[in-house]
Amino acid sequence: MGADGIIISDVHDRRITDTINRVTKQFGGSFTIETGKPWRHSVTEWKKAGGRVVHLTAYGIPLPQIIERIRASHENKLVVVGAEKVPGEMFHLADWNVSVTNQPISEVSALGIFLDWMFNHRGLQEEFPNAALRIVPTEHGKRVVRP
C-alpha cells in the first residue's frame, strides 16, 4: 500500500521476518523489516534522523482533516500503530496523532486505510518490476504468472 518497511518493536520474530522477505522476493519491491528494537528507541531515532511520526489513534485529529498537512511534509514518515495500550508518551512524541475512526478498528485496518489515503489510492495499482510472480486480476478464480 506504499510502505517501505515495518518495525515490529519489542519482539524478535524470525518467522515473520522470513515470511515478509519471502513475499517481497516473490512479488517484488523493496520492503525492509526490523524486529525487537524497543519502540521508544525506534521513534526517537527516527525523529533524530529528521523523520516525522504519525501515530494512529482513535483520539487524534480525524484523517480527512489532517491528511493534506501530512502529505505536504516531505520528510520520511514513521507510522505508529499500537497493539495494546499505548503509553501516553507516544502522544507527545508524535508529530501528528491521527484518528482513522473513533469506532473500534483493528490496527492493521487503520494502517491500511491511512496508507490508502496517504498515497491517493496508488498502492492499489502498484506493480514491481523485480517480481518473480504477478497476480492477474480475474473475476473468478486465481491466476498467478511469472513475468
N, C-alpha and C. Protein backbone atom coordinates (compact mmCIF):
# COMPACT_ATOMS: atom_id res chain seq x y z
N MET A 1 0.82 -1.21 0.00
CA MET A 1 0.00 0.00 0.00
C MET A 1 0.85 1.26 0.00
N GLY A 2 2.16 1.12 -0.20
CA GLY A 2 3.03 2.28 -0.28
C GLY A 2 4.10 2.34 0.79
N ALA A 3 4.02 1.48 1.80
CA ALA A 3 5.03 1.48 2.85
C ALA A 3 6.33 0.87 2.33
N ASP A 4 7.44 1.34 2.88
CA ASP A 4 8.76 0.84 2.51
C ASP A 4 9.28 -0.22 3.46
N GLY A 5 8.67 -0.33 4.62
CA GLY A 5 9.16 -1.29 5.60
C GLY A 5 8.30 -1.30 6.84
N ILE A 6 8.70 -2.17 7.77
CA ILE A 6 7.97 -2.32 9.02
C ILE A 6 8.98 -2.53 10.14
N ILE A 7 8.65 -1.97 11.29
CA ILE A 7 9.41 -2.22 12.51
C ILE A 7 8.43 -2.84 13.49
N ILE A 8 8.73 -4.03 13.93
CA ILE A 8 7.91 -4.66 14.97
C ILE A 8 8.73 -4.54 16.25
N SER A 9 8.32 -3.61 17.08
CA SER A 9 9.10 -3.27 18.27
C SER A 9 8.92 -4.30 19.38
N ASP A 10 9.96 -4.39 20.18
CA ASP A 10 9.96 -5.13 21.44
C ASP A 10 9.89 -6.65 21.31
N VAL A 11 9.71 -7.18 20.11
CA VAL A 11 9.58 -8.63 19.94
C VAL A 11 10.46 -9.08 18.76
N HIS A 12 11.32 -10.06 19.01
CA HIS A 12 12.07 -10.67 17.90
C HIS A 12 11.21 -11.78 17.34
N ASP A 13 11.00 -11.77 16.04
CA ASP A 13 10.18 -12.82 15.42
C ASP A 13 10.79 -13.20 14.08
N ARG A 14 11.62 -14.23 14.12
CA ARG A 14 12.33 -14.67 12.91
C ARG A 14 11.35 -15.20 11.86
N ARG A 15 10.28 -15.83 12.30
CA ARG A 15 9.31 -16.40 11.35
C ARG A 15 8.64 -15.33 10.51
N ILE A 16 8.21 -14.24 11.13
CA ILE A 16 7.57 -13.18 10.36
C ILE A 16 8.58 -12.48 9.46
N THR A 17 9.82 -12.33 9.94
CA THR A 17 10.87 -11.75 9.10
C THR A 17 11.08 -12.59 7.85
N ASP A 18 11.19 -13.90 8.02
CA ASP A 18 11.38 -14.81 6.88
C ASP A 18 10.19 -14.74 5.93
N THR A 19 8.99 -14.70 6.46
CA THR A 19 7.78 -14.66 5.63
C THR A 19 7.74 -13.37 4.80
N ILE A 20 7.99 -12.24 5.43
CA ILE A 20 7.96 -10.97 4.71
C ILE A 20 9.05 -10.93 3.65
N ASN A 21 10.23 -11.40 3.97
CA ASN A 21 11.32 -11.42 2.98
C ASN A 21 10.98 -12.34 1.81
N ARG A 22 10.34 -13.46 2.08
CA ARG A 22 9.95 -14.39 1.01
C ARG A 22 8.89 -13.77 0.10
N VAL A 23 7.89 -13.14 0.69
CA VAL A 23 6.83 -12.50 -0.09
C VAL A 23 7.40 -11.36 -0.93
N THR A 24 8.31 -10.57 -0.36
CA THR A 24 8.93 -9.48 -1.11
C THR A 24 9.73 -10.02 -2.29
N LYS A 25 10.43 -11.11 -2.08
CA LYS A 25 11.21 -11.71 -3.17
C LYS A 25 10.28 -12.21 -4.28
N GLN A 26 9.15 -12.81 -3.91
CA GLN A 26 8.22 -13.35 -4.90
C GLN A 26 7.48 -12.26 -5.66
N PHE A 27 6.99 -11.24 -4.95
CA PHE A 27 6.11 -10.25 -5.56
C PHE A 27 6.79 -8.92 -5.85
N GLY A 28 8.08 -8.80 -5.53
CA GLY A 28 8.86 -7.64 -5.91
C GLY A 28 8.81 -6.51 -4.92
N GLY A 29 9.48 -5.44 -5.31
CA GLY A 29 9.58 -4.27 -4.46
C GLY A 29 10.76 -4.38 -3.52
N SER A 30 10.93 -3.34 -2.73
CA SER A 30 11.95 -3.39 -1.68
C SER A 30 11.24 -3.03 -0.39
N PHE A 31 11.21 -3.97 0.51
CA PHE A 31 10.49 -3.79 1.76
C PHE A 31 11.38 -4.33 2.86
N THR A 32 11.61 -3.52 3.87
CA THR A 32 12.50 -3.93 4.96
C THR A 32 11.69 -4.29 6.20
N ILE A 33 12.29 -5.10 7.04
CA ILE A 33 11.67 -5.46 8.31
C ILE A 33 12.74 -5.47 9.39
N GLU A 34 12.38 -4.90 10.53
CA GLU A 34 13.22 -4.92 11.73
C GLU A 34 12.35 -5.42 12.86
N THR A 35 12.88 -6.27 13.69
CA THR A 35 12.12 -6.72 14.86
C THR A 35 12.99 -6.58 16.11
N GLY A 36 12.32 -6.44 17.23
CA GLY A 36 12.99 -6.50 18.51
C GLY A 36 13.51 -5.20 19.09
N LYS A 37 13.56 -4.13 18.32
CA LYS A 37 14.07 -2.87 18.85
C LYS A 37 13.00 -2.24 19.74
N PRO A 38 13.37 -1.70 20.90
CA PRO A 38 12.38 -1.05 21.76
C PRO A 38 11.66 0.09 21.04
N TRP A 39 10.36 0.21 21.23
CA TRP A 39 9.55 1.17 20.49
C TRP A 39 10.05 2.60 20.68
N ARG A 40 10.37 2.97 21.91
CA ARG A 40 10.79 4.34 22.20
C ARG A 40 12.08 4.67 21.45
N HIS A 41 12.99 3.71 21.40
CA HIS A 41 14.25 3.89 20.67
C HIS A 41 13.98 4.07 19.18
N SER A 42 13.08 3.27 18.64
CA SER A 42 12.73 3.38 17.21
C SER A 42 12.19 4.77 16.88
N VAL A 43 11.30 5.26 17.71
CA VAL A 43 10.67 6.56 17.46
C VAL A 43 11.67 7.70 17.63
N THR A 44 12.42 7.70 18.71
CA THR A 44 13.37 8.81 18.94
C THR A 44 14.50 8.79 17.91
N GLU A 45 14.95 7.62 17.51
CA GLU A 45 15.98 7.50 16.47
C GLU A 45 15.46 8.06 15.14
N TRP A 46 14.20 7.75 14.82
CA TRP A 46 13.57 8.25 13.59
C TRP A 46 13.54 9.77 13.58
N LYS A 47 13.10 10.34 14.70
CA LYS A 47 13.00 11.80 14.79
C LYS A 47 14.38 12.46 14.73
N LYS A 48 15.37 11.86 15.38
CA LYS A 48 16.73 12.42 15.34
C LYS A 48 17.28 12.43 13.92
N ALA A 49 16.86 11.48 13.09
CA ALA A 49 17.32 11.40 11.71
C ALA A 49 16.53 12.36 10.80
N GLY A 50 15.61 13.12 11.38
CA GLY A 50 14.87 14.12 10.60
C GLY A 50 13.51 13.66 10.12
N GLY A 51 13.08 12.46 10.52
CA GLY A 51 11.78 11.96 10.11
C GLY A 51 10.66 12.51 10.97
N ARG A 52 9.45 12.33 10.50
CA ARG A 52 8.24 12.74 11.21
C ARG A 52 7.47 11.49 11.63
N VAL A 53 6.65 11.62 12.67
CA VAL A 53 5.94 10.48 13.23
C VAL A 53 4.44 10.71 13.18
N VAL A 54 3.74 9.75 12.59
CA VAL A 54 2.28 9.73 12.54
C VAL A 54 1.82 8.63 13.48
N HIS A 55 1.03 8.98 14.46
CA HIS A 55 0.51 8.00 15.42
C HIS A 55 -0.98 7.80 15.14
N LEU A 56 -1.35 6.59 14.77
CA LEU A 56 -2.76 6.29 14.51
C LEU A 56 -3.43 5.93 15.83
N THR A 57 -4.44 6.69 16.19
CA THR A 57 -5.13 6.52 17.46
C THR A 57 -6.56 7.02 17.31
N ALA A 58 -7.47 6.44 18.03
CA ALA A 58 -8.87 6.89 17.99
C ALA A 58 -9.02 8.30 18.55
N TYR A 59 -8.00 8.78 19.27
CA TYR A 59 -8.10 10.07 19.96
C TYR A 59 -7.51 11.24 19.18
N GLY A 60 -7.05 11.00 17.96
CA GLY A 60 -6.38 12.05 17.20
C GLY A 60 -7.31 12.89 16.35
N ILE A 61 -6.69 13.72 15.52
CA ILE A 61 -7.42 14.55 14.56
C ILE A 61 -7.94 13.63 13.46
N PRO A 62 -9.19 13.77 13.05
CA PRO A 62 -9.74 12.89 12.00
C PRO A 62 -8.89 12.94 10.71
N LEU A 63 -8.65 11.79 10.14
CA LEU A 63 -7.82 11.64 8.95
C LEU A 63 -8.16 12.63 7.84
N PRO A 64 -9.44 12.80 7.46
CA PRO A 64 -9.74 13.74 6.37
C PRO A 64 -9.32 15.18 6.67
N GLN A 65 -9.25 15.55 7.95
CA GLN A 65 -8.90 16.92 8.32
C GLN A 65 -7.39 17.17 8.33
N ILE A 66 -6.57 16.12 8.42
CA ILE A 66 -5.14 16.28 8.62
C ILE A 66 -4.29 15.73 7.48
N ILE A 67 -4.85 14.92 6.60
CA ILE A 67 -4.05 14.21 5.61
C ILE A 67 -3.27 15.13 4.68
N GLU A 68 -3.84 16.27 4.29
CA GLU A 68 -3.12 17.18 3.39
C GLU A 68 -1.88 17.75 4.06
N ARG A 69 -1.96 18.05 5.34
CA ARG A 69 -0.78 18.57 6.07
C ARG A 69 0.30 17.50 6.14
N ILE A 70 -0.11 16.26 6.35
CA ILE A 70 0.87 15.17 6.42
C ILE A 70 1.52 14.96 5.06
N ARG A 71 0.71 14.94 4.01
CA ARG A 71 1.25 14.78 2.65
C ARG A 71 2.21 15.91 2.29
N ALA A 72 1.91 17.13 2.74
CA ALA A 72 2.73 18.29 2.40
C ALA A 72 4.11 18.23 3.05
N SER A 73 4.24 17.47 4.10
CA SER A 73 5.53 17.30 4.76
C SER A 73 6.37 16.35 3.92
N HIS A 74 7.56 16.78 3.54
CA HIS A 74 8.40 15.97 2.65
C HIS A 74 9.36 15.05 3.39
N GLU A 75 9.36 15.11 4.71
CA GLU A 75 10.23 14.22 5.48
C GLU A 75 9.70 12.79 5.44
N ASN A 76 10.60 11.83 5.66
CA ASN A 76 10.16 10.43 5.79
C ASN A 76 9.25 10.32 6.99
N LYS A 77 8.28 9.43 6.88
CA LYS A 77 7.30 9.28 7.95
C LYS A 77 7.33 7.87 8.53
N LEU A 78 7.24 7.82 9.83
CA LEU A 78 7.09 6.57 10.58
C LEU A 78 5.65 6.57 11.07
N VAL A 79 4.90 5.55 10.68
CA VAL A 79 3.51 5.44 11.11
C VAL A 79 3.46 4.44 12.25
N VAL A 80 2.98 4.87 13.39
CA VAL A 80 2.95 4.05 14.60
C VAL A 80 1.52 3.59 14.86
N VAL A 81 1.37 2.28 15.03
CA VAL A 81 0.10 1.72 15.48
C VAL A 81 0.42 0.88 16.71
N GLY A 82 -0.39 1.02 17.73
CA GLY A 82 -0.17 0.28 18.97
C GLY A 82 -1.07 -0.93 19.06
N ALA A 83 -0.51 -2.05 19.41
CA ALA A 83 -1.28 -3.28 19.50
C ALA A 83 -1.98 -3.41 20.85
N GLU A 84 -1.47 -2.74 21.85
CA GLU A 84 -2.06 -2.77 23.18
C GLU A 84 -2.16 -1.34 23.66
N LYS A 85 -2.38 -1.15 24.94
CA LYS A 85 -2.48 0.21 25.48
C LYS A 85 -1.18 0.97 25.18
N VAL A 86 -1.33 2.08 24.49
CA VAL A 86 -0.18 2.89 24.08
C VAL A 86 0.18 3.84 25.23
N PRO A 87 1.46 3.89 25.60
CA PRO A 87 1.87 4.82 26.66
C PRO A 87 1.58 6.26 26.26
N GLY A 88 1.19 7.08 27.23
CA GLY A 88 0.88 8.49 26.98
C GLY A 88 2.02 9.24 26.31
N GLU A 89 3.24 8.79 26.55
CA GLU A 89 4.41 9.42 25.95
C GLU A 89 4.34 9.44 24.42
N MET A 90 3.73 8.41 23.84
CA MET A 90 3.65 8.33 22.38
C MET A 90 2.87 9.50 21.80
N PHE A 91 1.84 9.93 22.51
CA PHE A 91 1.02 11.04 22.04
C PHE A 91 1.83 12.34 21.95
N HIS A 92 2.86 12.46 22.79
CA HIS A 92 3.70 13.65 22.79
C HIS A 92 4.87 13.53 21.81
N LEU A 93 5.34 12.32 21.56
CA LEU A 93 6.43 12.11 20.61
C LEU A 93 5.96 12.27 19.16
N ALA A 94 4.69 11.99 18.92
CA ALA A 94 4.16 12.04 17.55
C ALA A 94 4.07 13.47 17.05
N ASP A 95 4.34 13.63 15.75
CA ASP A 95 4.12 14.92 15.12
C ASP A 95 2.63 15.10 14.83
N TRP A 96 1.98 13.99 14.51
CA TRP A 96 0.55 14.01 14.26
C TRP A 96 -0.09 12.80 14.94
N ASN A 97 -1.11 13.03 15.74
CA ASN A 97 -1.97 11.97 16.27
C ASN A 97 -3.21 11.98 15.39
N VAL A 98 -3.42 10.87 14.68
CA VAL A 98 -4.43 10.81 13.63
C VAL A 98 -5.46 9.74 13.95
N SER A 99 -6.72 10.12 13.82
CA SER A 99 -7.81 9.18 14.01
C SER A 99 -8.37 8.75 12.66
N VAL A 100 -8.26 7.46 12.37
CA VAL A 100 -8.88 6.92 11.16
C VAL A 100 -10.38 6.83 11.40
N THR A 101 -10.75 6.47 12.60
CA THR A 101 -12.14 6.42 13.04
C THR A 101 -12.12 6.47 14.56
N ASN A 102 -13.22 6.88 15.17
CA ASN A 102 -13.28 6.81 16.63
C ASN A 102 -14.12 5.62 17.07
N GLN A 103 -14.32 4.70 16.15
CA GLN A 103 -15.01 3.45 16.44
C GLN A 103 -13.96 2.33 16.54
N PRO A 104 -14.29 1.21 17.15
CA PRO A 104 -13.32 0.11 17.22
C PRO A 104 -12.88 -0.32 15.82
N ILE A 105 -11.57 -0.49 15.65
CA ILE A 105 -11.00 -0.90 14.37
C ILE A 105 -9.67 -1.60 14.67
N SER A 106 -9.33 -2.56 13.87
CA SER A 106 -8.05 -3.24 14.10
C SER A 106 -6.91 -2.32 13.67
N GLU A 107 -5.75 -2.54 14.25
CA GLU A 107 -4.58 -1.74 13.91
C GLU A 107 -4.19 -1.92 12.45
N VAL A 108 -4.30 -3.14 11.95
CA VAL A 108 -3.97 -3.41 10.55
C VAL A 108 -4.93 -2.67 9.62
N SER A 109 -6.20 -2.67 9.95
CA SER A 109 -7.18 -1.94 9.14
C SER A 109 -6.89 -0.45 9.15
N ALA A 110 -6.60 0.10 10.32
CA ALA A 110 -6.30 1.53 10.42
C ALA A 110 -5.07 1.87 9.59
N LEU A 111 -4.05 1.04 9.64
CA LEU A 111 -2.84 1.28 8.85
C LEU A 111 -3.15 1.23 7.36
N GLY A 112 -3.90 0.23 6.91
CA GLY A 112 -4.25 0.12 5.50
C GLY A 112 -5.04 1.33 5.01
N ILE A 113 -5.99 1.77 5.80
CA ILE A 113 -6.80 2.94 5.42
C ILE A 113 -5.92 4.18 5.36
N PHE A 114 -5.07 4.36 6.36
CA PHE A 114 -4.18 5.53 6.36
C PHE A 114 -3.28 5.54 5.13
N LEU A 115 -2.65 4.41 4.83
CA LEU A 115 -1.75 4.34 3.67
C LEU A 115 -2.50 4.59 2.37
N ASP A 116 -3.71 4.08 2.28
CA ASP A 116 -4.52 4.31 1.08
C ASP A 116 -4.77 5.81 0.88
N TRP A 117 -5.14 6.50 1.93
CA TRP A 117 -5.36 7.94 1.85
C TRP A 117 -4.04 8.67 1.59
N MET A 118 -2.99 8.27 2.28
CA MET A 118 -1.70 8.95 2.18
C MET A 118 -1.20 8.96 0.73
N PHE A 119 -1.35 7.84 0.05
CA PHE A 119 -0.81 7.70 -1.29
C PHE A 119 -1.88 7.80 -2.38
N ASN A 120 -3.01 8.41 -2.04
CA ASN A 120 -4.08 8.66 -3.02
C ASN A 120 -4.47 7.41 -3.81
N HIS A 121 -4.57 6.30 -3.15
CA HIS A 121 -5.04 5.03 -3.72
C HIS A 121 -4.07 4.40 -4.73
N ARG A 122 -2.88 4.97 -4.89
CA ARG A 122 -1.92 4.43 -5.86
C ARG A 122 -1.44 3.03 -5.50
N GLY A 123 -1.42 2.70 -4.23
CA GLY A 123 -0.96 1.38 -3.80
C GLY A 123 -1.81 0.25 -4.36
N LEU A 124 -3.03 0.56 -4.74
CA LEU A 124 -3.92 -0.46 -5.29
C LEU A 124 -3.52 -0.89 -6.69
N GLN A 125 -2.76 -0.05 -7.39
CA GLN A 125 -2.34 -0.37 -8.76
C GLN A 125 -0.85 -0.64 -8.89
N GLU A 126 -0.12 -0.55 -7.80
CA GLU A 126 1.34 -0.66 -7.87
C GLU A 126 1.79 -2.05 -8.31
N GLU A 127 2.74 -2.07 -9.23
CA GLU A 127 3.38 -3.31 -9.67
C GLU A 127 4.87 -3.11 -9.56
N PHE A 128 5.59 -4.15 -9.19
CA PHE A 128 7.03 -4.06 -9.00
C PHE A 128 7.75 -4.76 -10.14
N PRO A 129 8.72 -4.08 -10.77
CA PRO A 129 9.42 -4.67 -11.92
C PRO A 129 10.26 -5.90 -11.56
N ASN A 130 10.69 -6.04 -10.33
CA ASN A 130 11.54 -7.16 -9.95
C ASN A 130 10.75 -8.35 -9.37
N ALA A 131 9.48 -8.43 -9.67
CA ALA A 131 8.63 -9.50 -9.14
C ALA A 131 8.91 -10.83 -9.85
N ALA A 132 8.97 -11.90 -9.08
CA ALA A 132 9.07 -13.24 -9.65
C ALA A 132 7.68 -13.77 -9.98
N LEU A 133 6.66 -13.25 -9.29
CA LEU A 133 5.27 -13.64 -9.53
C LEU A 133 4.42 -12.39 -9.65
N ARG A 134 3.36 -12.48 -10.45
CA ARG A 134 2.42 -11.37 -10.59
C ARG A 134 1.01 -11.93 -10.58
N ILE A 135 0.15 -11.33 -9.78
CA ILE A 135 -1.25 -11.74 -9.73
C ILE A 135 -1.99 -11.04 -10.86
N VAL A 136 -2.74 -11.81 -11.64
CA VAL A 136 -3.54 -11.27 -12.73
C VAL A 136 -4.99 -11.20 -12.24
N PRO A 137 -5.57 -10.00 -12.21
CA PRO A 137 -6.95 -9.87 -11.75
C PRO A 137 -7.91 -10.69 -12.61
N THR A 138 -8.77 -11.44 -11.96
CA THR A 138 -9.79 -12.22 -12.65
C THR A 138 -11.09 -12.11 -11.87
N GLU A 139 -12.19 -12.24 -12.57
CA GLU A 139 -13.49 -12.16 -11.90
C GLU A 139 -13.73 -13.37 -11.02
N HIS A 140 -13.24 -14.53 -11.45
CA HIS A 140 -13.41 -15.77 -10.69
C HIS A 140 -12.10 -16.52 -10.69
N GLY A 141 -11.79 -17.15 -9.58
CA GLY A 141 -10.58 -17.97 -9.52
C GLY A 141 -9.33 -17.17 -9.23
N LYS A 142 -8.19 -17.84 -9.41
CA LYS A 142 -6.89 -17.23 -9.14
C LYS A 142 -6.00 -17.42 -10.36
N ARG A 143 -5.23 -16.39 -10.68
CA ARG A 143 -4.27 -16.51 -11.76
C ARG A 143 -2.98 -15.80 -11.37
N VAL A 144 -1.91 -16.55 -11.29
CA VAL A 144 -0.59 -16.02 -10.95
C VAL A 144 0.35 -16.41 -12.08
N VAL A 145 1.13 -15.43 -12.56
CA VAL A 145 2.05 -15.69 -13.67
C VAL A 145 3.46 -15.27 -13.28
N ARG A 146 4.41 -15.81 -14.02
CA ARG A 146 5.82 -15.40 -13.90
C ARG A 146 6.07 -14.42 -15.04
N PRO A 147 6.38 -13.16 -14.71
CA PRO A 147 6.60 -12.16 -15.77
C PRO A 147 7.77 -12.53 -16.68
